[in-house]
Amino acid sequence: MLPFSLSKTDADHVNIERKTHESRLIRDRMYVLHLLHIGYSRSECAKIVGCHANSVTNYIKMYQRGGLDSIRQLHYIYVRHELSS
């Protein structure tokens, strides 16, 4: 199991952005990190947020690799139709 901990500064940012960020996905990611920080288990976080337990693990890995900047990134692939231009 991956260890997880947030610094005081990151915990403050997570607490604010879990309520105010414009993207629902990023709000959910921040909410998962907040719940983990205050002591919930990974399976409890998944149930509360409504995601899969593997997603919780992926969010932890994202945070460990790149911090909050990594959590804030969306990697949507947009396919442009040839008639769109």
PDB file of N, CA and C in Angstrom:
ATOM      1  N   MET A   1       0.840  -1.177   0.000  1.00  0.00           N
ATOM      2  CA  MET A   1       0.000   0.000   0.000  1.00  0.00           C
ATOM      3  C   MET A   1       0.887   1.242   0.000  1.00  0.00           C
ATOM      4  N   LEU A   2       0.516   2.200  -0.816  1.00  0.00           N
ATOM      5  CA  LEU A   2       1.293   3.431  -0.919  1.00  0.00           C
ATOM      6  C   LEU A   2       1.088   4.311   0.303  1.00  0.00           C
ATOM      7  N   PRO A   3       2.174   4.824   0.875  1.00  0.00           N
ATOM      8  CA  PRO A   3       2.003   5.774   1.980  1.00  0.00           C
ATOM      9  C   PRO A   3       1.494   7.110   1.439  1.00  0.00           C
ATOM     10  N   PHE A   4       0.740   7.817   2.257  1.00  0.00           N
ATOM     11  CA  PHE A   4       0.199   9.100   1.818  1.00  0.00           C
ATOM     12  C   PHE A   4       0.230  10.096   2.961  1.00  0.00           C
ATOM     13  N   SER A   5       0.698  11.288   2.654  1.00  0.00           N
ATOM     14  CA  SER A   5       0.639  12.388   3.612  1.00  0.00           C
ATOM     15  C   SER A   5       0.669  13.707   2.843  1.00  0.00           C
ATOM     16  N   LEU A   6      -0.023  14.692   3.381  1.00  0.00           N
ATOM     17  CA  LEU A   6      -0.054  16.031   2.802  1.00  0.00           C
ATOM     18  C   LEU A   6       0.674  16.981   3.735  1.00  0.00           C
ATOM     19  N   SER A   7       1.375  17.941   3.144  1.00  0.00           N
ATOM     20  CA  SER A   7       1.960  18.993   3.967  1.00  0.00           C
ATOM     21  C   SER A   7       0.841  19.940   4.406  1.00  0.00           C
ATOM     22  N   LYS A   8       1.095  20.765   5.384  1.00  0.00           N
ATOM     23  CA  LYS A   8       0.096  21.717   5.888  1.00  0.00           C
ATOM     24  C   LYS A   8      -0.355  22.652   4.773  1.00  0.00           C
ATOM     25  N   THR A   9       0.584  23.132   3.980  1.00  0.00           N
ATOM     26  CA  THR A   9       0.257  24.046   2.890  1.00  0.00           C
ATOM     27  C   THR A   9      -0.614  23.349   1.845  1.00  0.00           C
ATOM     28  N   ASP A  10      -0.225  22.142   1.436  1.00  0.00           N
ATOM     29  CA  ASP A  10      -1.016  21.398   0.458  1.00  0.00           C
ATOM     30  C   ASP A  10      -2.396  21.060   1.004  1.00  0.00           C
ATOM     31  N   ALA A  11      -2.477  20.726   2.286  1.00  0.00           N
ATOM     32  CA  ALA A  11      -3.775  20.411   2.893  1.00  0.00           C
ATOM     33  C   ALA A  11      -4.706  21.614   2.840  1.00  0.00           C
ATOM     34  N   ASP A  12      -4.159  22.807   3.055  1.00  0.00           N
ATOM     35  CA  ASP A  12      -4.969  24.023   2.974  1.00  0.00           C
ATOM     36  C   ASP A  12      -5.466  24.261   1.548  1.00  0.00           C
ATOM     37  N   HIS A  13      -4.579  24.076   0.563  1.00  0.00           N
ATOM     38  CA  HIS A  13      -4.963  24.256  -0.841  1.00  0.00           C
ATOM     39  C   HIS A  13      -6.015  23.224  -1.258  1.00  0.00           C
ATOM     40  N   VAL A  14      -5.827  21.986  -0.831  1.00  0.00           N
ATOM     41  CA  VAL A  14      -6.777  20.917  -1.158  1.00  0.00           C
ATOM     42  C   VAL A  14      -8.148  21.238  -0.576  1.00  0.00           C
ATOM     43  N   ASN A  15      -8.174  21.704   0.659  1.00  0.00           N
ATOM     44  CA  ASN A  15      -9.439  22.012   1.317  1.00  0.00           C
ATOM     45  C   ASN A  15     -10.202  23.113   0.589  1.00  0.00           C
ATOM     46  N   ILE A  16      -9.499  24.104   0.087  1.00  0.00           N
ATOM     47  CA  ILE A  16     -10.153  25.193  -0.641  1.00  0.00           C
ATOM     48  C   ILE A  16     -10.598  24.727  -2.025  1.00  0.00           C
ATOM     49  N   GLU A  17      -9.706  24.055  -2.754  1.00  0.00           N
ATOM     50  CA  GLU A  17     -10.009  23.685  -4.134  1.00  0.00           C
ATOM     51  C   GLU A  17     -11.032  22.557  -4.242  1.00  0.00           C
ATOM     52  N   ARG A  18     -11.214  21.768  -3.211  1.00  0.00           N
ATOM     53  CA  ARG A  18     -12.227  20.713  -3.279  1.00  0.00           C
ATOM     54  C   ARG A  18     -13.628  21.310  -3.321  1.00  0.00           C
ATOM     55  N   LYS A  19     -13.750  22.572  -2.956  1.00  0.00           N
ATOM     56  CA  LYS A  19     -15.043  23.255  -2.979  1.00  0.00           C
ATOM     57  C   LYS A  19     -15.167  24.246  -4.131  1.00  0.00           C
ATOM     58  N   THR A  20     -14.049  24.784  -4.602  1.00  0.00           N
ATOM     59  CA  THR A  20     -14.143  25.933  -5.505  1.00  0.00           C
ATOM     60  C   THR A  20     -13.630  25.709  -6.918  1.00  0.00           C
ATOM     61  N   HIS A  21     -12.928  24.627  -7.186  1.00  0.00           N
ATOM     62  CA  HIS A  21     -12.360  24.449  -8.520  1.00  0.00           C
ATOM     63  C   HIS A  21     -13.469  24.291  -9.547  1.00  0.00           C
ATOM     64  N   GLU A  22     -13.244  24.788 -10.752  1.00  0.00           N
ATOM     65  CA  GLU A  22     -14.291  24.775 -11.786  1.00  0.00           C
ATOM     66  C   GLU A  22     -14.555  23.385 -12.361  1.00  0.00           C
ATOM     67  N   SER A  23     -13.589  22.491 -12.319  1.00  0.00           N
ATOM     68  CA  SER A  23     -13.744  21.149 -12.872  1.00  0.00           C
ATOM     69  C   SER A  23     -14.220  20.175 -11.801  1.00  0.00           C
ATOM     70  N   ARG A  24     -15.287  19.460 -12.105  1.00  0.00           N
ATOM     71  CA  ARG A  24     -15.815  18.482 -11.146  1.00  0.00           C
ATOM     72  C   ARG A  24     -14.807  17.368 -10.873  1.00  0.00           C
ATOM     73  N   LEU A  25     -14.106  16.914 -11.909  1.00  0.00           N
ATOM     74  CA  LEU A  25     -13.124  15.847 -11.727  1.00  0.00           C
ATOM     75  C   LEU A  25     -12.021  16.270 -10.767  1.00  0.00           C
ATOM     76  N   ILE A  26     -11.540  17.482 -10.921  1.00  0.00           N
ATOM     77  CA  ILE A  26     -10.475  17.962 -10.043  1.00  0.00           C
ATOM     78  C   ILE A  26     -11.014  18.185  -8.630  1.00  0.00           C
ATOM     79  N   ARG A  27     -12.251  18.665  -8.504  1.00  0.00           N
ATOM     80  CA  ARG A  27     -12.851  18.781  -7.163  1.00  0.00           C
ATOM     81  C   ARG A  27     -12.934  17.413  -6.495  1.00  0.00           C
ATOM     82  N   ASP A  28     -13.313  16.387  -7.259  1.00  0.00           N
ATOM     83  CA  ASP A  28     -13.373  15.030  -6.705  1.00  0.00           C
ATOM     84  C   ASP A  28     -11.992  14.534  -6.287  1.00  0.00           C
ATOM     85  N   ARG A  29     -10.990  14.796  -7.117  1.00  0.00           N
ATOM     86  CA  ARG A  29      -9.617  14.393  -6.765  1.00  0.00           C
ATOM     87  C   ARG A  29      -9.175  15.066  -5.469  1.00  0.00           C
ATOM     88  N   MET A  30      -9.452  16.368  -5.366  1.00  0.00           N
ATOM     89  CA  MET A  30      -9.070  17.112  -4.163  1.00  0.00           C
ATOM     90  C   MET A  30      -9.835  16.598  -2.942  1.00  0.00           C
ATOM     91  N   TYR A  31     -11.102  16.246  -3.153  1.00  0.00           N
ATOM     92  CA  TYR A  31     -11.910  15.725  -2.054  1.00  0.00           C
ATOM     93  C   TYR A  31     -11.347  14.392  -1.556  1.00  0.00           C
ATOM     94  N   VAL A  32     -10.915  13.547  -2.482  1.00  0.00           N
ATOM     95  CA  VAL A  32     -10.295  12.274  -2.096  1.00  0.00           C
ATOM     96  C   VAL A  32      -9.043  12.532  -1.272  1.00  0.00           C
ATOM     97  N   LEU A  33      -8.195  13.444  -1.719  1.00  0.00           N
ATOM     98  CA  LEU A  33      -6.971  13.750  -0.960  1.00  0.00           C
ATOM     99  C   LEU A  33      -7.314  14.304   0.414  1.00  0.00           C
ATOM    100  N   HIS A  34      -8.345  15.140   0.492  1.00  0.00           N
ATOM    101  CA  HIS A  34      -8.759  15.702   1.778  1.00  0.00           C
ATOM    102  C   HIS A  34      -9.237  14.596   2.719  1.00  0.00           C
ATOM    103  N   LEU A  35     -10.071  13.707   2.201  1.00  0.00           N
ATOM    104  CA  LEU A  35     -10.580  12.614   3.042  1.00  0.00           C
ATOM    105  C   LEU A  35      -9.454  11.707   3.531  1.00  0.00           C
ATOM    106  N   LEU A  36      -8.500  11.409   2.652  1.00  0.00           N
ATOM    107  CA  LEU A  36      -7.353  10.596   3.067  1.00  0.00           C
ATOM    108  C   LEU A  36      -6.548  11.306   4.146  1.00  0.00           C
ATOM    109  N   HIS A  37      -6.387  12.599   3.986  1.00  0.00           N
ATOM    110  CA  HIS A  37      -5.602  13.391   4.938  1.00  0.00           C
ATOM    111  C   HIS A  37      -6.235  13.388   6.333  1.00  0.00           C
ATOM    112  N   ILE A  38      -7.575  13.393   6.387  1.00  0.00           N
ATOM    113  CA  ILE A  38      -8.222  13.447   7.707  1.00  0.00           C
ATOM    114  C   ILE A  38      -8.474  12.061   8.295  1.00  0.00           C
ATOM    115  N   GLY A  39      -8.057  10.993   7.562  1.00  0.00           N
ATOM    116  CA  GLY A  39      -8.058   9.678   8.180  1.00  0.00           C
ATOM    117  C   GLY A  39      -8.985   8.630   7.600  1.00  0.00           C
ATOM    118  N   TYR A  40      -9.681   8.929   6.531  1.00  0.00           N
ATOM    119  CA  TYR A  40     -10.546   7.926   5.919  1.00  0.00           C
ATOM    120  C   TYR A  40      -9.707   6.903   5.156  1.00  0.00           C
ATOM    121  N   SER A  41     -10.230   5.687   5.050  1.00  0.00           N
ATOM    122  CA  SER A  41      -9.534   4.663   4.272  1.00  0.00           C
ATOM    123  C   SER A  41      -9.790   4.892   2.787  1.00  0.00           C
ATOM    124  N   ARG A  42      -9.036   4.210   1.966  1.00  0.00           N
ATOM    125  CA  ARG A  42      -9.183   4.375   0.521  1.00  0.00           C
ATOM    126  C   ARG A  42     -10.533   3.883   0.034  1.00  0.00           C
ATOM    127  N   SER A  43     -11.003   2.769   0.587  1.00  0.00           N
ATOM    128  CA  SER A  43     -12.311   2.253   0.160  1.00  0.00           C
ATOM    129  C   SER A  43     -13.431   3.181   0.609  1.00  0.00           C
ATOM    130  N   GLU A  44     -13.306   3.780   1.789  1.00  0.00           N
ATOM    131  CA  GLU A  44     -14.310   4.745   2.247  1.00  0.00           C
ATOM    132  C   GLU A  44     -14.322   5.984   1.357  1.00  0.00           C
ATOM    133  N   CYS A  45     -13.148   6.446   0.966  1.00  0.00           N
ATOM    134  CA  CYS A  45     -13.055   7.604   0.071  1.00  0.00           C
ATOM    135  C   CYS A  45     -13.734   7.315  -1.259  1.00  0.00           C
ATOM    136  N   ALA A  46     -13.495   6.136  -1.796  1.00  0.00           N
ATOM    137  CA  ALA A  46     -14.092   5.764  -3.074  1.00  0.00           C
ATOM    138  C   ALA A  46     -15.619   5.755  -2.975  1.00  0.00           C
ATOM    139  N   LYS A  47     -16.154   5.239  -1.888  1.00  0.00           N
ATOM    140  CA  LYS A  47     -17.604   5.207  -1.702  1.00  0.00           C
ATOM    141  C   LYS A  47     -18.179   6.607  -1.542  1.00  0.00           C
ATOM    142  N   ILE A  48     -17.510   7.435  -0.782  1.00  0.00           N
ATOM    143  CA  ILE A  48     -18.007   8.792  -0.529  1.00  0.00           C
ATOM    144  C   ILE A  48     -18.016   9.615  -1.812  1.00  0.00           C
ATOM    145  N   VAL A  49     -16.928   9.563  -2.554  1.00  0.00           N
ATOM    146  CA  VAL A  49     -16.796  10.385  -3.763  1.00  0.00           C
ATOM    147  C   VAL A  49     -17.556   9.765  -4.936  1.00  0.00           C
ATOM    148  N   GLY A  50     -17.696   8.441  -4.921  1.00  0.00           N
ATOM    149  CA  GLY A  50     -18.406   7.770  -6.004  1.00  0.00           C
ATOM    150  C   GLY A  50     -17.497   7.376  -7.148  1.00  0.00           C
ATOM    151  N   CYS A  51     -16.286   6.974  -6.811  1.00  0.00           N
ATOM    152  CA  CYS A  51     -15.338   6.529  -7.828  1.00  0.00           C
ATOM    153  C   CYS A  51     -14.870   5.116  -7.475  1.00  0.00           C
ATOM    154  N   HIS A  52     -14.065   4.548  -8.321  1.00  0.00           N
ATOM    155  CA  HIS A  52     -13.523   3.208  -8.088  1.00  0.00           C
ATOM    156  C   HIS A  52     -12.320   3.315  -7.151  1.00  0.00           C
ATOM    157  N   ALA A  53     -12.081   2.267  -6.392  1.00  0.00           N
ATOM    158  CA  ALA A  53     -10.939   2.255  -5.462  1.00  0.00           C
ATOM    159  C   ALA A  53      -9.621   2.420  -6.211  1.00  0.00           C
ATOM    160  N   ASN A  54      -9.533   1.915  -7.442  1.00  0.00           N
ATOM    161  CA  ASN A  54      -8.313   2.097  -8.229  1.00  0.00           C
ATOM    162  C   ASN A  54      -8.079   3.567  -8.568  1.00  0.00           C
ATOM    163  N   SER A  55      -9.144   4.333  -8.720  1.00  0.00           N
ATOM    164  CA  SER A  55      -8.997   5.762  -8.979  1.00  0.00           C
ATOM    165  C   SER A  55      -8.346   6.456  -7.802  1.00  0.00           C
ATOM    166  N   VAL A  56      -8.717   6.057  -6.596  1.00  0.00           N
ATOM    167  CA  VAL A  56      -8.105   6.642  -5.397  1.00  0.00           C
ATOM    168  C   VAL A  56      -6.606   6.378  -5.407  1.00  0.00           C
ATOM    169  N   THR A  57      -6.212   5.161  -5.729  1.00  0.00           N
ATOM    170  CA  THR A  57      -4.788   4.826  -5.816  1.00  0.00           C
ATOM    171  C   THR A  57      -4.100   5.637  -6.906  1.00  0.00           C
ATOM    172  N   ASN A  58      -4.775   5.811  -8.036  1.00  0.00           N
ATOM    173  CA  ASN A  58      -4.199   6.616  -9.122  1.00  0.00           C
ATOM    174  C   ASN A  58      -4.019   8.066  -8.705  1.00  0.00           C
ATOM    175  N   TYR A  59      -4.961   8.618  -7.949  1.00  0.00           N
ATOM    176  CA  TYR A  59      -4.832  10.002  -7.474  1.00  0.00           C
ATOM    177  C   TYR A  59      -3.639  10.140  -6.529  1.00  0.00           C
ATOM    178  N   ILE A  60      -3.434   9.139  -5.688  1.00  0.00           N
ATOM    179  CA  ILE A  60      -2.278   9.173  -4.782  1.00  0.00           C
ATOM    180  C   ILE A  60      -0.981   9.129  -5.581  1.00  0.00           C
ATOM    181  N   LYS A  61      -0.924   8.269  -6.588  1.00  0.00           N
ATOM    182  CA  LYS A  61       0.273   8.185  -7.432  1.00  0.00           C
ATOM    183  C   LYS A  61       0.520   9.492  -8.166  1.00  0.00           C
ATOM    184  N   MET A  62      -0.556  10.106  -8.673  1.00  0.00           N
ATOM    185  CA  MET A  62      -0.420  11.393  -9.348  1.00  0.00           C
ATOM    186  C   MET A  62       0.158  12.432  -8.406  1.00  0.00           C
ATOM    187  N   TYR A  63      -0.359  12.477  -7.183  1.00  0.00           N
ATOM    188  CA  TYR A  63       0.119  13.453  -6.205  1.00  0.00           C
ATOM    189  C   TYR A  63       1.582  13.210  -5.862  1.00  0.00           C
ATOM    190  N   GLN A  64       1.964  11.955  -5.693  1.00  0.00           N
ATOM    191  CA  GLN A  64       3.347  11.646  -5.331  1.00  0.00           C
ATOM    192  C   GLN A  64       4.312  11.971  -6.465  1.00  0.00           C
ATOM    193  N   ARG A  65       3.880  11.826  -7.698  1.00  0.00           N
ATOM    194  CA  ARG A  65       4.758  12.121  -8.842  1.00  0.00           C
ATOM    195  C   ARG A  65       4.912  13.607  -9.108  1.00  0.00           C
ATOM    196  N   GLY A  66       3.802  14.363  -9.010  1.00  0.00           N
ATOM    197  CA  GLY A  66       3.871  15.756  -9.417  1.00  0.00           C
ATOM    198  C   GLY A  66       3.213  16.750  -8.499  1.00  0.00           C
ATOM    199  N   GLY A  67       2.801  16.322  -7.327  1.00  0.00           N
ATOM    200  CA  GLY A  67       2.167  17.234  -6.381  1.00  0.00           C
ATOM    201  C   GLY A  67       0.795  17.682  -6.846  1.00  0.00           C
ATOM    202  N   LEU A  68       0.356  18.806  -6.327  1.00  0.00           N
ATOM    203  CA  LEU A  68      -0.976  19.309  -6.661  1.00  0.00           C
ATOM    204  C   LEU A  68      -1.090  19.728  -8.120  1.00  0.00           C
ATOM    205  N   ASP A  69       0.015  20.144  -8.723  1.00  0.00           N
ATOM    206  CA  ASP A  69      -0.024  20.501 -10.142  1.00  0.00           C
ATOM    207  C   ASP A  69      -0.429  19.305 -10.997  1.00  0.00           C
ATOM    208  N   SER A  70       0.014  18.137 -10.620  1.00  0.00           N
ATOM    209  CA  SER A  70      -0.345  16.926 -11.345  1.00  0.00           C
ATOM    210  C   SER A  70      -1.828  16.592 -11.152  1.00  0.00           C
ATOM    211  N   ILE A  71      -2.338  16.821  -9.957  1.00  0.00           N
ATOM    212  CA  ILE A  71      -3.752  16.567  -9.671  1.00  0.00           C
ATOM    213  C   ILE A  71      -4.637  17.517 -10.470  1.00  0.00           C
ATOM    214  N   ARG A  72      -4.170  18.726 -10.688  1.00  0.00           N
ATOM    215  CA  ARG A  72      -4.968  19.740 -11.396  1.00  0.00           C
ATOM    216  C   ARG A  72      -5.012  19.551 -12.911  1.00  0.00           C
ATOM    217  N   GLN A  73      -4.191  18.688 -13.455  1.00  0.00           N
ATOM    218  CA  GLN A  73      -4.127  18.527 -14.907  1.00  0.00           C
ATOM    219  C   GLN A  73      -5.232  17.609 -15.411  1.00  0.00           C
ATOM    220  N   LEU A  74      -5.824  18.017 -16.521  1.00  0.00           N
ATOM    221  CA  LEU A  74      -6.797  17.187 -17.224  1.00  0.00           C
ATOM    222  C   LEU A  74      -6.166  16.750 -18.532  1.00  0.00           C
ATOM    223  N   HIS A  75      -6.265  15.485 -18.825  1.00  0.00           N
ATOM    224  CA  HIS A  75      -5.644  14.950 -20.033  1.00  0.00           C
ATOM    225  C   HIS A  75      -6.708  14.438 -20.988  1.00  0.00           C
ATOM    226  N   TYR A  76      -7.598  15.327 -21.364  1.00  0.00           N
ATOM    227  CA  TYR A  76      -8.617  14.944 -22.331  1.00  0.00           C
ATOM    228  C   TYR A  76      -8.044  15.021 -23.730  1.00  0.00           C
ATOM    229  N   ILE A  77      -8.404  14.058 -24.540  1.00  0.00           N
ATOM    230  CA  ILE A  77      -7.976  14.054 -25.936  1.00  0.00           C
ATOM    231  C   ILE A  77      -9.169  14.492 -26.775  1.00  0.00           C
ATOM    232  N   TYR A  78      -8.988  15.597 -27.474  1.00  0.00           N
ATOM    233  CA  TYR A  78     -10.054  16.118 -28.309  1.00  0.00           C
ATOM    234  C   TYR A  78      -9.783  15.735 -29.754  1.00  0.00           C
ATOM    235  N   VAL A  79     -10.736  15.062 -30.344  1.00  0.00           N
ATOM    236  CA  VAL A  79     -10.614  14.699 -31.745  1.00  0.00           C
ATOM    237  C   VAL A  79     -11.283  15.800 -32.550  1.00  0.00           C
ATOM    238  N   ARG A  80     -10.517  16.402 -33.433  1.00  0.00           N
ATOM    239  CA  ARG A  80     -11.062  17.468 -34.262  1.00  0.00           C
ATOM    240  C   ARG A  80     -11.573  16.873 -35.556  1.00  0.00           C
ATOM    241  N   HIS A  81     -12.790  17.178 -35.840  1.00  0.00           N
ATOM    242  CA  HIS A  81     -13.396  16.716 -37.072  1.00  0.00           C
ATOM    243  C   HIS A  81     -12.860  17.538 -38.240  1.00  0.00           C
ATOM    244  N   GLU A  82     -12.706  16.921 -39.377  1.00  0.00           N
ATOM    245  CA  GLU A  82     -12.124  17.623 -40.520  1.00  0.00           C
ATOM    246  C   GLU A  82     -12.998  18.771 -41.001  1.00  0.00           C
ATOM    247  N   LEU A  83     -14.283  18.776 -40.680  1.00  0.00           N
ATOM    248  CA  LEU A  83     -15.167  19.861 -41.089  1.00  0.00           C
ATOM    249  C   LEU A  83     -15.248  20.992 -40.045  1.00  0.00           C
ATOM    250  N   SER A  84     -14.591  20.820 -38.905  1.00  0.00           N
ATOM    251  CA  SER A  84     -14.700  21.813 -37.844  1.00  0.00           C
ATOM    252  C   SER A  84     -14.030  23.132 -38.188  1.00  0.00           C
ATOM    253  N   SER A  85     -13.051  23.102 -39.059  1.00  0.00           N
ATOM    254  CA  SER A  85     -12.392  24.370 -39.423  1.00  0.00           C
ATOM    255  C   SER A  85     -13.188  25.050 -40.504  1.00  0.00           C
TER     256      SER A  85
END
